[in-house]
Amino acid sequence: MNSCKGFTLFEMVIAISIFAVMGVIAFTSLGMMTRNGQAVADANNRLSDLQFAVVYFSRDWMQVSPRGILNQYGDPEANVIIENDVITFTRSGWSNPRGLTRSTLQRVQYRVLDNQFVRLHWPSLDQGIGEEPIRVVLLDKVESMEVGLQNPLDKLVRVWPPDPGYSDGDPILLAIKLELPDMGDITRQLEVPNGVL
């Protein structure tokens, strides 16, 4: 007579319990790996967005032009204006692939609006009455921006053009600082091209 041997009920309960515990551990580990992977992807995307914004600003600044403009009221404005941590300047090299009748110079402005680092530009260099700028968001989640020109004495000039009594020499660097809640302060210093101030 053949006797069949199998698992007892107690052995089955223990085996199922072990598999259940292993499954919970595996599921928890998989969830943690997924969250960590998403956090790394988000950080990489944020860094990429920051690099794009800084490069975009730097590219514009390296093409700053000495030409001032006429504002909507026909009053002359300097080629570079810094006031209340907003920088406005004229840049050259505005590409025109469609061959429109317009200047290759462009008036641009960089500022923080609604916690966004934005670039504004006007369709016309010398602005018409009621002409609205075109707004492009370069970076989200920006608490503030500080901008100024550093002179040879290492002083930061926060308003440009300066008061008539200014005598500390022509600025040599443009300093811009973005305050990001998740990355801290990001500071860049850019050379002031010759002959633009």
C-alpha atoms as a PDB file:
ATOM      1  CA  MET A   1       0.000   0.000   0.000  1.00  0.00           C
ATOM      2  CA  ASN A   2       1.371   3.376  -1.066  1.00  0.00           C
ATOM      3  CA  SER A   3       1.109   6.184   1.389  1.00  0.00           C
ATOM      4  CA  CYS A   4       0.929   9.752  -0.042  1.00  0.00           C
ATOM      5  CA  LYS A   5       2.701  12.383   1.897  1.00  0.00           C
ATOM      6  CA  GLY A   6       1.715  16.055   1.577  1.00  0.00           C
ATOM      7  CA  PHE A   7       1.851  19.330   3.416  1.00  0.00           C
ATOM      8  CA  THR A   8      -0.080  19.745   6.571  1.00  0.00           C
ATOM      9  CA  LEU A   9      -2.405  22.676   7.009  1.00  0.00           C
ATOM     10  CA  PHE A  10       0.030  24.255   9.446  1.00  0.00           C
ATOM     11  CA  GLU A  11       2.913  24.019   6.936  1.00  0.00           C
ATOM     12  CA  MET A  12       0.730  25.563   4.225  1.00  0.00           C
ATOM     13  CA  VAL A  13      -0.188  28.520   6.476  1.00  0.00           C
ATOM     14  CA  ILE A  14       3.481  29.134   7.294  1.00  0.00           C
ATOM     15  CA  ALA A  15       4.500  28.963   3.583  1.00  0.00           C
ATOM     16  CA  ILE A  16       1.728  31.368   2.558  1.00  0.00           C
ATOM     17  CA  SER A  17       2.679  33.745   5.388  1.00  0.00           C
ATOM     18  CA  ILE A  18       6.321  33.776   4.272  1.00  0.00           C
ATOM     19  CA  PHE A  19       5.331  34.463   0.653  1.00  0.00           C
ATOM     20  CA  ALA A  20       2.975  37.242   1.801  1.00  0.00           C
ATOM     21  CA  VAL A  21       5.719  38.934   3.847  1.00  0.00           C
ATOM     22  CA  MET A  22       8.159  38.648   0.933  1.00  0.00           C
ATOM     23  CA  GLY A  23       5.530  40.121  -1.402  1.00  0.00           C
ATOM     24  CA  VAL A  24       4.922  43.105   0.898  1.00  0.00           C
ATOM     25  CA  ILE A  25       8.665  43.757   1.177  1.00  0.00           C
ATOM     26  CA  ALA A  26       9.110  43.499  -2.598  1.00  0.00           C
ATOM     27  CA  PHE A  27       6.110  45.774  -3.270  1.00  0.00           C
ATOM     28  CA  THR A  28       7.361  48.372  -0.757  1.00  0.00           C
ATOM     29  CA  SER A  29      10.855  48.295  -2.265  1.00  0.00           C
ATOM     30  CA  LEU A  30       9.453  48.652  -5.778  1.00  0.00           C
ATOM     31  CA  GLY A  31       7.318  51.627  -4.697  1.00  0.00           C
ATOM     32  CA  MET A  32      10.327  53.274  -3.075  1.00  0.00           C
ATOM     33  CA  MET A  33      12.463  52.723  -6.172  1.00  0.00           C
ATOM     34  CA  THR A  34       9.728  54.202  -8.360  1.00  0.00           C
ATOM     35  CA  ARG A  35       9.420  57.277  -6.112  1.00  0.00           C
ATOM     36  CA  ASN A  36      13.214  57.727  -6.024  1.00  0.00           C
ATOM     37  CA  GLY A  37      13.387  57.374  -9.796  1.00  0.00           C
ATOM     38  CA  GLN A  38      10.669  60.000 -10.217  1.00  0.00           C
ATOM     39  CA  ALA A  39      12.439  62.347  -7.774  1.00  0.00           C
ATOM     40  CA  VAL A  40      15.690  62.001  -9.734  1.00  0.00           C
ATOM     41  CA  ALA A  41      13.855  62.630 -13.032  1.00  0.00           C
ATOM     42  CA  ASP A  42      12.142  65.709 -11.554  1.00  0.00           C
ATOM     43  CA  ALA A  43      15.483  67.057 -10.262  1.00  0.00           C
ATOM     44  CA  ASN A  44      17.092  66.501 -13.674  1.00  0.00           C
ATOM     45  CA  ASN A  45      14.217  68.288 -15.413  1.00  0.00           C
ATOM     46  CA  ARG A  46      14.455  71.191 -12.966  1.00  0.00           C
ATOM     47  CA  LEU A  47      18.199  71.491 -13.511  1.00  0.00           C
ATOM     48  CA  SER A  48      17.695  71.356 -17.272  1.00  0.00           C
ATOM     49  CA  ASP A  49      15.068  74.134 -17.082  1.00  0.00           C
ATOM     50  CA  LEU A  50      17.421  76.256 -14.964  1.00  0.00           C
ATOM     51  CA  GLN A  51      20.310  75.766 -17.381  1.00  0.00           C
ATOM     52  CA  PHE A  52      18.056  76.696 -20.311  1.00  0.00           C
ATOM     53  CA  ALA A  53      16.924  79.913 -18.597  1.00  0.00           C
ATOM     54  CA  VAL A  54      20.470  80.971 -17.662  1.00  0.00           C
ATOM     55  CA  VAL A  55      21.848  80.209 -21.133  1.00  0.00           C
ATOM     56  CA  TYR A  56      18.956  82.101 -22.768  1.00  0.00           C
ATOM     57  CA  PHE A  57      19.617  85.168 -20.618  1.00  0.00           C
ATOM     58  CA  SER A  58      23.391  84.938 -21.149  1.00  0.00           C
ATOM     59  CA  ARG A  59      22.965  84.681 -24.916  1.00  0.00           C
ATOM     60  CA  ASP A  60      20.800  87.801 -24.975  1.00  0.00           C
ATOM     61  CA  TRP A  61      23.197  89.735 -22.752  1.00  0.00           C
ATOM     62  CA  MET A  62      26.248  88.832 -24.853  1.00  0.00           C
ATOM     63  CA  GLN A  63      24.491  90.540 -27.785  1.00  0.00           C
ATOM     64  CA  VAL A  64      23.600  93.737 -25.880  1.00  0.00           C
ATOM     65  CA  SER A  65      23.599  96.735 -28.226  1.00  0.00           C
ATOM     66  CA  PRO A  66      24.563 100.364 -27.510  1.00  0.00           C
ATOM     67  CA  ARG A  67      21.389 101.633 -29.221  1.00  0.00           C
ATOM     68  CA  GLY A  68      18.779 103.268 -27.025  1.00  0.00           C
ATOM     69  CA  ILE A  69      15.104 103.397 -28.004  1.00  0.00           C
ATOM     70  CA  LEU A  70      12.096 105.681 -28.055  1.00  0.00           C
ATOM     71  CA  ASN A  71       9.356 104.534 -25.713  1.00  0.00           C
ATOM     72  CA  GLN A  72       5.600 104.663 -26.411  1.00  0.00           C
ATOM     73  CA  TYR A  73       5.528 108.373 -25.619  1.00  0.00           C
ATOM     74  CA  GLY A  74       8.434 109.231 -27.905  1.00  0.00           C
ATOM     75  CA  ASP A  75      10.848 109.751 -25.009  1.00  0.00           C
ATOM     76  CA  PRO A  76      14.386 108.374 -25.348  1.00  0.00           C
ATOM     77  CA  GLU A  77      15.387 105.455 -23.107  1.00  0.00           C
ATOM     78  CA  ALA A  78      18.880 104.119 -22.468  1.00  0.00           C
ATOM     79  CA  ASN A  79      20.027 100.926 -24.114  1.00  0.00           C
ATOM     80  CA  VAL A  80      20.316  99.284 -20.663  1.00  0.00           C
ATOM     81  CA  ILE A  81      17.942 100.007 -17.781  1.00  0.00           C
ATOM     82  CA  ILE A  82      18.116  98.332 -14.370  1.00  0.00           C
ATOM     83  CA  GLU A  83      15.540  99.291 -11.787  1.00  0.00           C
ATOM     84  CA  ASN A  84      13.685  97.395  -9.026  1.00  0.00           C
ATOM     85  CA  ASP A  85      15.499  94.156  -9.962  1.00  0.00           C
ATOM     86  CA  VAL A  86      14.207  94.321 -13.546  1.00  0.00           C
ATOM     87  CA  ILE A  87      16.640  94.571 -16.450  1.00  0.00           C
ATOM     88  CA  THR A  88      15.650  95.919 -19.855  1.00  0.00           C
ATOM     89  CA  PHE A  89      18.089  96.208 -22.756  1.00  0.00           C
ATOM     90  CA  THR A  90      18.484  96.287 -26.510  1.00  0.00           C
ATOM     91  CA  ARG A  91      20.066  93.250 -28.105  1.00  0.00           C
ATOM     92  CA  SER A  92      21.292  92.579 -31.623  1.00  0.00           C
ATOM     93  CA  GLY A  93      21.062  89.397 -33.643  1.00  0.00           C
ATOM     94  CA  TRP A  94      17.266  89.004 -33.729  1.00  0.00           C
ATOM     95  CA  SER A  95      16.924  86.427 -36.488  1.00  0.00           C
ATOM     96  CA  ASN A  96      14.410  87.088 -39.233  1.00  0.00           C
ATOM     97  CA  PRO A  97      13.875  83.832 -41.157  1.00  0.00           C
ATOM     98  CA  ARG A  98      10.580  85.014 -42.698  1.00  0.00           C
ATOM     99  CA  GLY A  99      12.145  88.198 -44.053  1.00  0.00           C
ATOM    100  CA  LEU A 100       9.765  90.551 -42.243  1.00  0.00           C
ATOM    101  CA  THR A 101      10.271  94.289 -42.488  1.00  0.00           C
ATOM    102  CA  ARG A 102      11.742  94.890 -39.064  1.00  0.00           C
ATOM    103  CA  SER A 103      14.988  95.578 -37.256  1.00  0.00           C
ATOM    104  CA  THR A 104      17.448  92.886 -36.258  1.00  0.00           C
ATOM    105  CA  LEU A 105      17.645  94.701 -32.916  1.00  0.00           C
ATOM    106  CA  GLN A 106      15.187  93.704 -30.199  1.00  0.00           C
ATOM    107  CA  ARG A 107      14.116  95.262 -26.913  1.00  0.00           C
ATOM    108  CA  VAL A 108      13.995  92.638 -24.159  1.00  0.00           C
ATOM    109  CA  GLN A 109      13.203  92.622 -20.464  1.00  0.00           C
ATOM    110  CA  TYR A 110      13.874  90.027 -17.776  1.00  0.00           C
ATOM    111  CA  ARG A 111      11.978  89.973 -14.480  1.00  0.00           C
ATOM    112  CA  VAL A 112      10.160  87.762 -11.992  1.00  0.00           C
ATOM    113  CA  LEU A 113       6.352  87.816 -12.313  1.00  0.00           C
ATOM    114  CA  ASP A 114       4.035  85.513 -10.357  1.00  0.00           C
ATOM    115  CA  ASN A 115       7.015  83.395  -9.204  1.00  0.00           C
ATOM    116  CA  GLN A 116       8.161  82.905 -12.795  1.00  0.00           C
ATOM    117  CA  PHE A 117      11.387  84.092 -14.427  1.00  0.00           C
ATOM    118  CA  VAL A 118      10.087  85.630 -17.631  1.00  0.00           C
ATOM    119  CA  ARG A 119      11.492  87.210 -20.772  1.00  0.00           C
ATOM    120  CA  LEU A 120       9.467  89.932 -22.453  1.00  0.00           C
ATOM    121  CA  HIS A 121      10.189  91.402 -25.852  1.00  0.00           C
ATOM    122  CA  TRP A 122       8.473  94.038 -27.959  1.00  0.00           C
ATOM    123  CA  PRO A 123       7.576  93.536 -31.627  1.00  0.00           C
ATOM    124  CA  SER A 124       9.070  96.952 -32.496  1.00  0.00           C
ATOM    125  CA  LEU A 125      12.342  98.382 -31.288  1.00  0.00           C
ATOM    126  CA  ASP A 126      10.942 101.912 -30.932  1.00  0.00           C
ATOM    127  CA  GLN A 127       7.632 101.121 -29.317  1.00  0.00           C
ATOM    128  CA  GLY A 128       4.295 102.284 -30.643  1.00  0.00           C
ATOM    129  CA  ILE A 129       1.480 103.542 -28.455  1.00  0.00           C
ATOM    130  CA  GLY A 130      -0.269 100.659 -26.715  1.00  0.00           C
ATOM    131  CA  GLU A 131       2.230  98.085 -27.978  1.00  0.00           C
ATOM    132  CA  GLU A 132       2.244  95.126 -25.599  1.00  0.00           C
ATOM    133  CA  PRO A 133       5.291  92.931 -24.998  1.00  0.00           C
ATOM    134  CA  ILE A 134       5.319  89.219 -25.767  1.00  0.00           C
ATOM    135  CA  ARG A 135       5.902  87.170 -22.610  1.00  0.00           C
ATOM    136  CA  VAL A 136       7.794  83.871 -22.448  1.00  0.00           C
ATOM    137  CA  VAL A 137       8.176  81.927 -19.196  1.00  0.00           C
ATOM    138  CA  LEU A 138      11.715  80.591 -18.845  1.00  0.00           C
ATOM    139  CA  LEU A 139      11.572  79.117 -15.337  1.00  0.00           C
ATOM    140  CA  ASP A 140       8.877  78.372 -12.748  1.00  0.00           C
ATOM    141  CA  LYS A 141       9.113  78.450  -8.953  1.00  0.00           C
ATOM    142  CA  VAL A 142      11.369  81.506  -8.661  1.00  0.00           C
ATOM    143  CA  GLU A 143      10.977  83.541  -5.473  1.00  0.00           C
ATOM    144  CA  SER A 144      12.977  86.596  -6.524  1.00  0.00           C
ATOM    145  CA  MET A 145      15.647  88.007  -8.806  1.00  0.00           C
ATOM    146  CA  GLU A 146      18.408  90.476  -8.029  1.00  0.00           C
ATOM    147  CA  VAL A 147      20.320  92.180 -10.806  1.00  0.00           C
ATOM    148  CA  GLY A 148      23.038  94.815 -10.859  1.00  0.00           C
ATOM    149  CA  LEU A 149      26.228  95.973 -12.505  1.00  0.00           C
ATOM    150  CA  GLN A 150      29.527  95.473 -10.724  1.00  0.00           C
ATOM    151  CA  ASN A 151      32.031  98.299 -11.110  1.00  0.00           C
ATOM    152  CA  PRO A 152      35.849  98.138 -10.878  1.00  0.00           C
ATOM    153  CA  LEU A 153      35.614  98.891  -7.126  1.00  0.00           C
ATOM    154  CA  ASP A 154      33.541  95.687  -6.614  1.00  0.00           C
ATOM    155  CA  LYS A 155      30.443  97.708  -5.771  1.00  0.00           C
ATOM    156  CA  LEU A 156      27.119  96.496  -7.117  1.00  0.00           C
ATOM    157  CA  VAL A 157      25.192  99.248  -8.882  1.00  0.00           C
ATOM    158  CA  ARG A 158      21.494  98.324  -8.599  1.00  0.00           C
ATOM    159  CA  VAL A 159      20.136 101.212 -10.727  1.00  0.00           C
ATOM    160  CA  TRP A 160      21.255 102.024 -14.263  1.00  0.00           C
ATOM    161  CA  PRO A 161      21.652 104.569 -15.770  1.00  0.00           C
ATOM    162  CA  PRO A 162      23.185 105.935 -12.579  1.00  0.00           C
ATOM    163  CA  ASP A 163      22.653 109.325 -10.984  1.00  0.00           C
ATOM    164  CA  PRO A 164      24.522 112.210 -12.658  1.00  0.00           C
ATOM    165  CA  GLY A 165      27.120 112.281  -9.850  1.00  0.00           C
ATOM    166  CA  TYR A 166      28.205 108.655 -10.427  1.00  0.00           C
ATOM    167  CA  SER A 167      32.004 108.429 -10.685  1.00  0.00           C
ATOM    168  CA  ASP A 168      32.978 104.857  -9.790  1.00  0.00           C
ATOM    169  CA  GLY A 169      33.936 103.842 -13.326  1.00  0.00           C
ATOM    170  CA  ASP A 170      32.226 101.847 -16.038  1.00  0.00           C
ATOM    171  CA  PRO A 171      30.778  98.516 -14.868  1.00  0.00           C
ATOM    172  CA  ILE A 172      32.720  95.426 -15.834  1.00  0.00           C
ATOM    173  CA  LEU A 173      30.267  92.654 -14.859  1.00  0.00           C
ATOM    174  CA  LEU A 174      26.548  92.057 -14.848  1.00  0.00           C
ATOM    175  CA  ALA A 175      25.470  90.055 -11.781  1.00  0.00           C
ATOM    176  CA  ILE A 176      22.153  88.215 -11.657  1.00  0.00           C
ATOM    177  CA  LYS A 177      20.870  86.111  -8.773  1.00  0.00           C
ATOM    178  CA  LEU A 178      17.774  83.919  -8.834  1.00  0.00           C
ATOM    179  CA  GLU A 179      16.342  82.676  -5.541  1.00  0.00           C
ATOM    180  CA  LEU A 180      14.788  79.230  -5.965  1.00  0.00           C
ATOM    181  CA  PRO A 181      12.994  77.576  -3.026  1.00  0.00           C
ATOM    182  CA  ASP A 182      14.230  74.105  -3.980  1.00  0.00           C
ATOM    183  CA  MET A 183      17.770  74.918  -5.128  1.00  0.00           C
ATOM    184  CA  GLY A 184      18.804  77.984  -3.136  1.00  0.00           C
ATOM    185  CA  ASP A 185      20.427  81.038  -4.702  1.00  0.00           C
ATOM    186  CA  ILE A 186      21.802  80.727  -8.231  1.00  0.00           C
ATOM    187  CA  THR A 187      24.231  83.515  -9.127  1.00  0.00           C
ATOM    188  CA  ARG A 188      25.838  84.272 -12.471  1.00  0.00           C
ATOM    189  CA  GLN A 189      28.267  87.002 -13.445  1.00  0.00           C
ATOM    190  CA  LEU A 190      28.565  88.003 -17.073  1.00  0.00           C
ATOM    191  CA  GLU A 191      31.060  90.293 -18.718  1.00  0.00           C
ATOM    192  CA  VAL A 192      29.852  93.677 -19.901  1.00  0.00           C
ATOM    193  CA  PRO A 193      30.765  93.931 -23.609  1.00  0.00           C
ATOM    194  CA  ASN A 194      32.953  96.864 -24.563  1.00  0.00           C
ATOM    195  CA  GLY A 195      31.268 100.125 -25.484  1.00  0.00           C
ATOM    196  CA  VAL A 196      27.701  99.308 -24.462  1.00  0.00           C
ATOM    197  CA  LEU A 197      27.515 101.412 -21.262  1.00  0.00           C
END
